[in-house]
Amino acid sequence: MPKFKYYNVQLLPLDTNSTQNIGPAGYKLLLNSIWDSVRLAIKAKHLESIAAPLRNDMYLVPFHVAVGEDYAIGQLLKFNHIDALRDLYTGDELQKIGQGVTNKRLTFDFVFDFKRHILAISRTPGLPSSRPLVEALAYLVEAQADEIFPQHTVRVIELTESESLEEVLRADGYKRVEVTVTFSNSEETEEEWERHLEQDLRDNNVHDVEHIERSDKNT
């Protein structure tokens, strides 16, 4: 059974007093815009020009996107770009390489839910680690969001799995705990106090709440 990592991908209003959440229709428009950009880049064989840079001269980019009514499915492509072959010992150039050539190519399936704005990416070998992947996803989303939703800011957060929380609860102690809470863009908050709290934070343009606890020295 495939395993996935989950990410909360949000476009949040810069000013909640004058700008609304983009909602499912907005996320659908965003994915359509990303796919249009990818298709043009593939046709021109300039995919690396829209790809997000990773470590070790690698790149990440959507390679296929199928946009449905409520969700999109597709593949992310991780690759490197080489422009020449060189002699290992002298460094001399042996051969020029044309466009669209790579010697490292990996794909990762994904699903994006427009209503929940949750992105699920298959956890297969070669998937970038947490921070580089979050940064790459934000880069790819911002490239289109800045054009079609200029009054919004992009947030990408990796969601914690229940198994990870169970490990935390079983631990004997902690040196440092950092918690970041963001919001759902949903009107389905279950508790009345949660609705009031979230609305108050939205009204004050607070997009994230962070809390850090540290243990005393030598404890």
C-alpha atoms as a PDB file:
ATOM      1  CA  MET A   1       0.000   0.000   0.000  1.00  0.00           C
ATOM      2  CA  PRO A   2       1.475   3.391  -1.003  1.00  0.00           C
ATOM      3  CA  LYS A   3       2.539   5.744   1.778  1.00  0.00           C
ATOM      4  CA  PHE A   4       2.164   9.504   1.552  1.00  0.00           C
ATOM      5  CA  LYS A   5       3.407  12.680   3.187  1.00  0.00           C
ATOM      6  CA  TYR A   6       0.825  15.417   3.664  1.00  0.00           C
ATOM      7  CA  TYR A   7       1.150  19.174   3.311  1.00  0.00           C
ATOM      8  CA  ASN A   8      -1.210  22.008   4.084  1.00  0.00           C
ATOM      9  CA  VAL A   9      -0.924  24.371   1.099  1.00  0.00           C
ATOM     10  CA  GLN A  10      -2.743  27.656   1.738  1.00  0.00           C
ATOM     11  CA  LEU A  11      -3.230  31.008   0.099  1.00  0.00           C
ATOM     12  CA  LEU A  12      -4.120  33.388   2.920  1.00  0.00           C
ATOM     13  CA  PRO A  13      -5.413  36.969   2.520  1.00  0.00           C
ATOM     14  CA  LEU A  14      -2.882  39.687   3.286  1.00  0.00           C
ATOM     15  CA  ASP A  15      -5.766  41.776   4.627  1.00  0.00           C
ATOM     16  CA  THR A  16      -8.778  39.811   5.817  1.00  0.00           C
ATOM     17  CA  ASN A  17     -10.843  42.997   6.054  1.00  0.00           C
ATOM     18  CA  SER A  18     -10.732  43.540   2.300  1.00  0.00           C
ATOM     19  CA  THR A  19      -9.873  40.132   0.827  1.00  0.00           C
ATOM     20  CA  GLN A  20     -11.632  36.780   1.108  1.00  0.00           C
ATOM     21  CA  ASN A  21     -10.223  33.248   1.126  1.00  0.00           C
ATOM     22  CA  ILE A  22      -9.882  31.832  -2.377  1.00  0.00           C
ATOM     23  CA  GLY A  23     -11.918  28.701  -1.567  1.00  0.00           C
ATOM     24  CA  PRO A  24     -12.041  25.451  -3.584  1.00  0.00           C
ATOM     25  CA  ALA A  25     -12.654  27.317  -6.867  1.00  0.00           C
ATOM     26  CA  GLY A  26      -9.519  29.373  -6.268  1.00  0.00           C
ATOM     27  CA  TYR A  27      -7.342  26.320  -5.626  1.00  0.00           C
ATOM     28  CA  LYS A  28      -8.719  24.708  -8.764  1.00  0.00           C
ATOM     29  CA  LEU A  29      -7.820  27.845 -10.730  1.00  0.00           C
ATOM     30  CA  LEU A  30      -4.332  27.752  -9.198  1.00  0.00           C
ATOM     31  CA  LEU A  31      -3.729  24.133 -10.273  1.00  0.00           C
ATOM     32  CA  ASN A  32      -4.999  24.892 -13.776  1.00  0.00           C
ATOM     33  CA  SER A  33      -2.584  27.819 -13.957  1.00  0.00           C
ATOM     34  CA  ILE A  34       0.320  25.654 -12.786  1.00  0.00           C
ATOM     35  CA  TRP A  35      -0.499  23.014 -15.407  1.00  0.00           C
ATOM     36  CA  ASP A  36      -0.708  25.640 -18.166  1.00  0.00           C
ATOM     37  CA  SER A  37       2.756  26.871 -17.189  1.00  0.00           C
ATOM     38  CA  VAL A  38       4.146  23.325 -17.152  1.00  0.00           C
ATOM     39  CA  ARG A  39       2.702  22.471 -20.566  1.00  0.00           C
ATOM     40  CA  LEU A  40       4.292  25.543 -22.121  1.00  0.00           C
ATOM     41  CA  ALA A  41       7.644  24.725 -20.518  1.00  0.00           C
ATOM     42  CA  ILE A  42       7.508  21.112 -21.718  1.00  0.00           C
ATOM     43  CA  LYS A  43       6.639  22.214 -25.243  1.00  0.00           C
ATOM     44  CA  ALA A  44       9.583  24.643 -25.268  1.00  0.00           C
ATOM     45  CA  LYS A  45      11.849  22.096 -23.526  1.00  0.00           C
ATOM     46  CA  HIS A  46      12.642  24.628 -20.813  1.00  0.00           C
ATOM     47  CA  LEU A  47      11.221  22.773 -17.824  1.00  0.00           C
ATOM     48  CA  GLU A  48      14.195  23.730 -15.676  1.00  0.00           C
ATOM     49  CA  SER A  49      13.270  27.411 -16.111  1.00  0.00           C
ATOM     50  CA  ILE A  50      10.139  26.991 -13.941  1.00  0.00           C
ATOM     51  CA  ALA A  51      11.478  24.292 -11.608  1.00  0.00           C
ATOM     52  CA  ALA A  52      12.223  24.856  -7.938  1.00  0.00           C
ATOM     53  CA  PRO A  53      15.916  24.492  -7.059  1.00  0.00           C
ATOM     54  CA  LEU A  54      16.897  21.799  -4.567  1.00  0.00           C
ATOM     55  CA  ARG A  55      20.212  20.832  -3.027  1.00  0.00           C
ATOM     56  CA  ASN A  56      23.036  19.222  -5.032  1.00  0.00           C
ATOM     57  CA  ASP A  57      21.993  20.837  -8.323  1.00  0.00           C
ATOM     58  CA  MET A  58      18.643  19.063  -8.372  1.00  0.00           C
ATOM     59  CA  TYR A  59      15.274  20.533  -9.344  1.00  0.00           C
ATOM     60  CA  LEU A  60      11.610  19.813  -8.609  1.00  0.00           C
ATOM     61  CA  VAL A  61       8.682  20.603 -10.893  1.00  0.00           C
ATOM     62  CA  PRO A  62       5.169  19.310 -11.639  1.00  0.00           C
ATOM     63  CA  PHE A  63       5.450  17.102 -14.712  1.00  0.00           C
ATOM     64  CA  HIS A  64       1.826  16.128 -15.158  1.00  0.00           C
ATOM     65  CA  VAL A  65      -1.371  17.580 -13.670  1.00  0.00           C
ATOM     66  CA  ALA A  66      -4.915  16.348 -14.272  1.00  0.00           C
ATOM     67  CA  VAL A  67      -7.432  18.783 -12.796  1.00  0.00           C
ATOM     68  CA  GLY A  68     -10.787  17.317 -11.769  1.00  0.00           C
ATOM     69  CA  GLU A  69     -13.849  18.878 -10.178  1.00  0.00           C
ATOM     70  CA  ASP A  70     -12.794  18.478  -6.534  1.00  0.00           C
ATOM     71  CA  TYR A  71      -9.140  17.503  -6.721  1.00  0.00           C
ATOM     72  CA  ALA A  72      -6.088  17.281  -8.957  1.00  0.00           C
ATOM     73  CA  ILE A  73      -3.741  14.351  -9.448  1.00  0.00           C
ATOM     74  CA  GLY A  74      -0.353  14.293 -11.077  1.00  0.00           C
ATOM     75  CA  GLN A  75       3.366  13.737 -10.772  1.00  0.00           C
ATOM     76  CA  LEU A  76       6.238  15.766  -9.420  1.00  0.00           C
ATOM     77  CA  LEU A  77       9.526  15.353 -11.253  1.00  0.00           C
ATOM     78  CA  LYS A  78      12.912  15.558  -9.532  1.00  0.00           C
ATOM     79  CA  PHE A  79      15.863  15.840 -11.878  1.00  0.00           C
ATOM     80  CA  ASN A  80      19.253  17.350 -12.510  1.00  0.00           C
ATOM     81  CA  HIS A  81      20.277  19.334 -15.570  1.00  0.00           C
ATOM     82  CA  ILE A  82      23.596  18.727 -17.301  1.00  0.00           C
ATOM     83  CA  ASP A  83      25.009  20.725 -20.183  1.00  0.00           C
ATOM     84  CA  ALA A  84      28.240  18.837 -20.911  1.00  0.00           C
ATOM     85  CA  LEU A  85      30.187  15.650 -20.286  1.00  0.00           C
ATOM     86  CA  ARG A  86      33.653  16.209 -18.815  1.00  0.00           C
ATOM     87  CA  ASP A  87      36.740  14.090 -18.336  1.00  0.00           C
ATOM     88  CA  LEU A  88      36.907  12.889 -14.739  1.00  0.00           C
ATOM     89  CA  TYR A  89      40.671  13.538 -14.430  1.00  0.00           C
ATOM     90  CA  THR A  90      41.286  16.673 -16.490  1.00  0.00           C
ATOM     91  CA  GLY A  91      37.912  18.419 -16.374  1.00  0.00           C
ATOM     92  CA  ASP A  92      38.081  18.924 -20.122  1.00  0.00           C
ATOM     93  CA  GLU A  93      34.757  19.108 -21.911  1.00  0.00           C
ATOM     94  CA  LEU A  94      34.155  15.986 -23.983  1.00  0.00           C
ATOM     95  CA  GLN A  95      30.693  16.587 -25.356  1.00  0.00           C
ATOM     96  CA  LYS A  96      28.045  19.290 -25.326  1.00  0.00           C
ATOM     97  CA  ILE A  97      24.617  18.162 -24.137  1.00  0.00           C
ATOM     98  CA  GLY A  98      21.387  19.431 -25.647  1.00  0.00           C
ATOM     99  CA  GLN A  99      18.256  20.608 -23.851  1.00  0.00           C
ATOM    100  CA  GLY A 100      16.199  18.218 -21.780  1.00  0.00           C
ATOM    101  CA  VAL A 101      19.009  15.838 -20.823  1.00  0.00           C
ATOM    102  CA  THR A 102      19.409  14.464 -17.306  1.00  0.00           C
ATOM    103  CA  ASN A 103      21.131  11.513 -15.667  1.00  0.00           C
ATOM    104  CA  LYS A 104      18.949  11.587 -12.537  1.00  0.00           C
ATOM    105  CA  ARG A 105      15.176  11.424 -12.919  1.00  0.00           C
ATOM    106  CA  LEU A 106      12.626  10.532 -10.221  1.00  0.00           C
ATOM    107  CA  THR A 107       8.839  10.941 -10.117  1.00  0.00           C
ATOM    108  CA  PHE A 108       6.430  11.223  -7.185  1.00  0.00           C
ATOM    109  CA  ASP A 109       2.655  10.850  -7.464  1.00  0.00           C
ATOM    110  CA  PHE A 110       0.509  13.495  -5.789  1.00  0.00           C
ATOM    111  CA  VAL A 111      -3.120  14.341  -5.049  1.00  0.00           C
ATOM    112  CA  PHE A 112      -4.366  17.825  -4.121  1.00  0.00           C
ATOM    113  CA  ASP A 113      -7.772  18.327  -2.483  1.00  0.00           C
ATOM    114  CA  PHE A 114      -9.255  21.717  -3.383  1.00  0.00           C
ATOM    115  CA  LYS A 115     -11.649  21.886  -0.416  1.00  0.00           C
ATOM    116  CA  ARG A 116      -9.144  20.936   2.273  1.00  0.00           C
ATOM    117  CA  HIS A 117      -6.118  22.344   0.362  1.00  0.00           C
ATOM    118  CA  ILE A 118      -4.177  19.271   1.440  1.00  0.00           C
ATOM    119  CA  LEU A 119      -1.428  17.935  -0.820  1.00  0.00           C
ATOM    120  CA  ALA A 120      -0.507  14.229  -0.526  1.00  0.00           C
ATOM    121  CA  ILE A 121       2.818  13.160  -2.073  1.00  0.00           C
ATOM    122  CA  SER A 122       3.910   9.533  -2.396  1.00  0.00           C
ATOM    123  CA  ARG A 123       6.706   8.725   0.005  1.00  0.00           C
ATOM    124  CA  THR A 124       9.056   6.950  -2.384  1.00  0.00           C
ATOM    125  CA  PRO A 125      12.881   6.818  -2.364  1.00  0.00           C
ATOM    126  CA  GLY A 126      14.468  10.085  -3.416  1.00  0.00           C
ATOM    127  CA  LEU A 127      11.720  12.366  -2.086  1.00  0.00           C
ATOM    128  CA  PRO A 128      13.410  15.523  -0.735  1.00  0.00           C
ATOM    129  CA  SER A 129      13.594  15.918   3.029  1.00  0.00           C
ATOM    130  CA  SER A 130      11.059  18.050   4.869  1.00  0.00           C
ATOM    131  CA  ARG A 131      12.495  21.582   4.761  1.00  0.00           C
ATOM    132  CA  PRO A 132      13.805  21.537   1.145  1.00  0.00           C
ATOM    133  CA  LEU A 133      10.507  20.036  -0.031  1.00  0.00           C
ATOM    134  CA  VAL A 134       8.399  22.641   1.784  1.00  0.00           C
ATOM    135  CA  GLU A 135      10.562  25.410   0.307  1.00  0.00           C
ATOM    136  CA  ALA A 136      10.294  23.914  -3.186  1.00  0.00           C
ATOM    137  CA  LEU A 137       6.511  23.571  -2.963  1.00  0.00           C
ATOM    138  CA  ALA A 138       6.180  27.185  -1.791  1.00  0.00           C
ATOM    139  CA  TYR A 139       8.404  28.296  -4.702  1.00  0.00           C
ATOM    140  CA  LEU A 140       6.249  26.455  -7.260  1.00  0.00           C
ATOM    141  CA  VAL A 141       2.957  27.741  -5.845  1.00  0.00           C
ATOM    142  CA  GLU A 142       4.162  31.336  -5.466  1.00  0.00           C
ATOM    143  CA  ALA A 143       5.241  31.482  -9.116  1.00  0.00           C
ATOM    144  CA  GLN A 144       1.582  31.293 -10.176  1.00  0.00           C
ATOM    145  CA  ALA A 145      -0.182  32.626  -7.091  1.00  0.00           C
ATOM    146  CA  ASP A 146       1.641  35.964  -7.268  1.00  0.00           C
ATOM    147  CA  GLU A 147       0.044  36.550 -10.682  1.00  0.00           C
ATOM    148  CA  ILE A 148      -3.530  35.389 -10.136  1.00  0.00           C
ATOM    149  CA  PHE A 149      -3.897  36.051  -6.391  1.00  0.00           C
ATOM    150  CA  PRO A 150      -1.611  39.021  -5.645  1.00  0.00           C
ATOM    151  CA  GLN A 151      -3.523  39.892  -2.460  1.00  0.00           C
ATOM    152  CA  HIS A 152      -2.706  36.540  -0.856  1.00  0.00           C
ATOM    153  CA  THR A 153       0.358  34.999   0.739  1.00  0.00           C
ATOM    154  CA  VAL A 154       1.463  31.367   0.402  1.00  0.00           C
ATOM    155  CA  ARG A 155       1.875  29.030   3.375  1.00  0.00           C
ATOM    156  CA  VAL A 156       3.103  25.426   3.079  1.00  0.00           C
ATOM    157  CA  ILE A 157       3.306  23.303   6.230  1.00  0.00           C
ATOM    158  CA  GLU A 158       4.097  19.618   6.558  1.00  0.00           C
ATOM    159  CA  LEU A 159       1.356  17.909   8.534  1.00  0.00           C
ATOM    160  CA  THR A 160       2.344  15.728  11.470  1.00  0.00           C
ATOM    161  CA  GLU A 161       1.265  12.103  11.327  1.00  0.00           C
ATOM    162  CA  SER A 162      -0.579  10.569  14.270  1.00  0.00           C
ATOM    163  CA  GLU A 163       2.252   8.048  14.732  1.00  0.00           C
ATOM    164  CA  SER A 164       4.707  10.907  15.243  1.00  0.00           C
ATOM    165  CA  LEU A 165       2.477  12.468  17.898  1.00  0.00           C
ATOM    166  CA  GLU A 166       2.269   9.142  19.695  1.00  0.00           C
ATOM    167  CA  GLU A 167       6.067   8.965  19.793  1.00  0.00           C
ATOM    168  CA  VAL A 168       6.187  12.443  21.319  1.00  0.00           C
ATOM    169  CA  LEU A 169       3.671  11.506  24.000  1.00  0.00           C
ATOM    170  CA  ARG A 170       5.677   8.409  24.911  1.00  0.00           C
ATOM    171  CA  ALA A 171       8.944  10.330  25.332  1.00  0.00           C
ATOM    172  CA  ASP A 172      10.394  10.742  28.842  1.00  0.00           C
ATOM    173  CA  GLY A 173      11.286  14.409  28.333  1.00  0.00           C
ATOM    174  CA  TYR A 174      12.063  17.155  25.840  1.00  0.00           C
ATOM    175  CA  LYS A 175      14.825  19.696  25.326  1.00  0.00           C
ATOM    176  CA  ARG A 176      12.750  21.892  23.032  1.00  0.00           C
ATOM    177  CA  VAL A 177       9.212  21.812  21.663  1.00  0.00           C
ATOM    178  CA  GLU A 178       8.062  24.080  18.849  1.00  0.00           C
ATOM    179  CA  VAL A 179       4.441  24.099  17.684  1.00  0.00           C
ATOM    180  CA  THR A 180       3.049  25.977  14.677  1.00  0.00           C
ATOM    181  CA  VAL A 181      -0.716  26.171  14.196  1.00  0.00           C
ATOM    182  CA  THR A 182      -2.369  27.463  11.060  1.00  0.00           C
ATOM    183  CA  PHE A 183      -5.973  27.678   9.936  1.00  0.00           C
ATOM    184  CA  SER A 184      -8.217  25.604   7.748  1.00  0.00           C
ATOM    185  CA  ASN A 185      -9.880  28.068   5.362  1.00  0.00           C
ATOM    186  CA  SER A 186     -12.995  26.148   6.380  1.00  0.00           C
ATOM    187  CA  GLU A 187     -16.263  27.158   7.956  1.00  0.00           C
ATOM    188  CA  GLU A 188     -16.682  23.690   9.518  1.00  0.00           C
ATOM    189  CA  THR A 189     -14.920  24.290  12.839  1.00  0.00           C
ATOM    190  CA  GLU A 190     -16.666  22.009  15.297  1.00  0.00           C
ATOM    191  CA  GLU A 191     -16.584  23.962  18.566  1.00  0.00           C
ATOM    192  CA  GLU A 192     -18.139  27.393  19.086  1.00  0.00           C
ATOM    193  CA  TRP A 193     -15.060  28.710  20.943  1.00  0.00           C
ATOM    194  CA  GLU A 194     -12.847  27.531  18.092  1.00  0.00           C
ATOM    195  CA  ARG A 195     -14.915  29.494  15.591  1.00  0.00           C
ATOM    196  CA  HIS A 196     -14.679  32.666  17.683  1.00  0.00           C
ATOM    197  CA  LEU A 197     -10.940  32.272  18.262  1.00  0.00           C
ATOM    198  CA  GLU A 198     -10.173  31.564  14.625  1.00  0.00           C
ATOM    199  CA  GLN A 199     -12.322  34.458  13.436  1.00  0.00           C
ATOM    200  CA  ASP A 200     -10.605  36.826  15.872  1.00  0.00           C
ATOM    201  CA  LEU A 201      -7.188  35.783  14.582  1.00  0.00           C
ATOM    202  CA  ARG A 202      -8.341  36.144  10.976  1.00  0.00           C
ATOM    203  CA  ASP A 203      -9.736  39.614  11.669  1.00  0.00           C
ATOM    204  CA  ASN A 204      -6.304  40.616  12.949  1.00  0.00           C
ATOM    205  CA  ASN A 205      -4.508  39.089   9.917  1.00  0.00           C
ATOM    206  CA  VAL A 206      -2.781  36.454  12.060  1.00  0.00           C
ATOM    207  CA  HIS A 207      -1.964  33.509   9.778  1.00  0.00           C
ATOM    208  CA  ASP A 208       0.149  31.355  12.083  1.00  0.00           C
ATOM    209  CA  VAL A 209       0.468  30.905  15.835  1.00  0.00           C
ATOM    210  CA  GLU A 210       3.820  29.620  17.098  1.00  0.00           C
ATOM    211  CA  HIS A 211       4.710  28.451  20.580  1.00  0.00           C
ATOM    212  CA  ILE A 212       8.125  27.297  21.806  1.00  0.00           C
ATOM    213  CA  GLU A 213       8.978  25.608  25.105  1.00  0.00           C
ATOM    214  CA  ARG A 214      12.514  24.840  26.296  1.00  0.00           C
ATOM    215  CA  SER A 215      13.642  22.764  29.249  1.00  0.00           C
ATOM    216  CA  ASP A 216      15.850  24.258  31.927  1.00  0.00           C
ATOM    217  CA  LYS A 217      19.568  23.760  31.584  1.00  0.00           C
ATOM    218  CA  ASN A 218      20.833  20.355  32.766  1.00  0.00           C
ATOM    219  CA  THR A 219      17.307  18.919  33.050  1.00  0.00           C
END
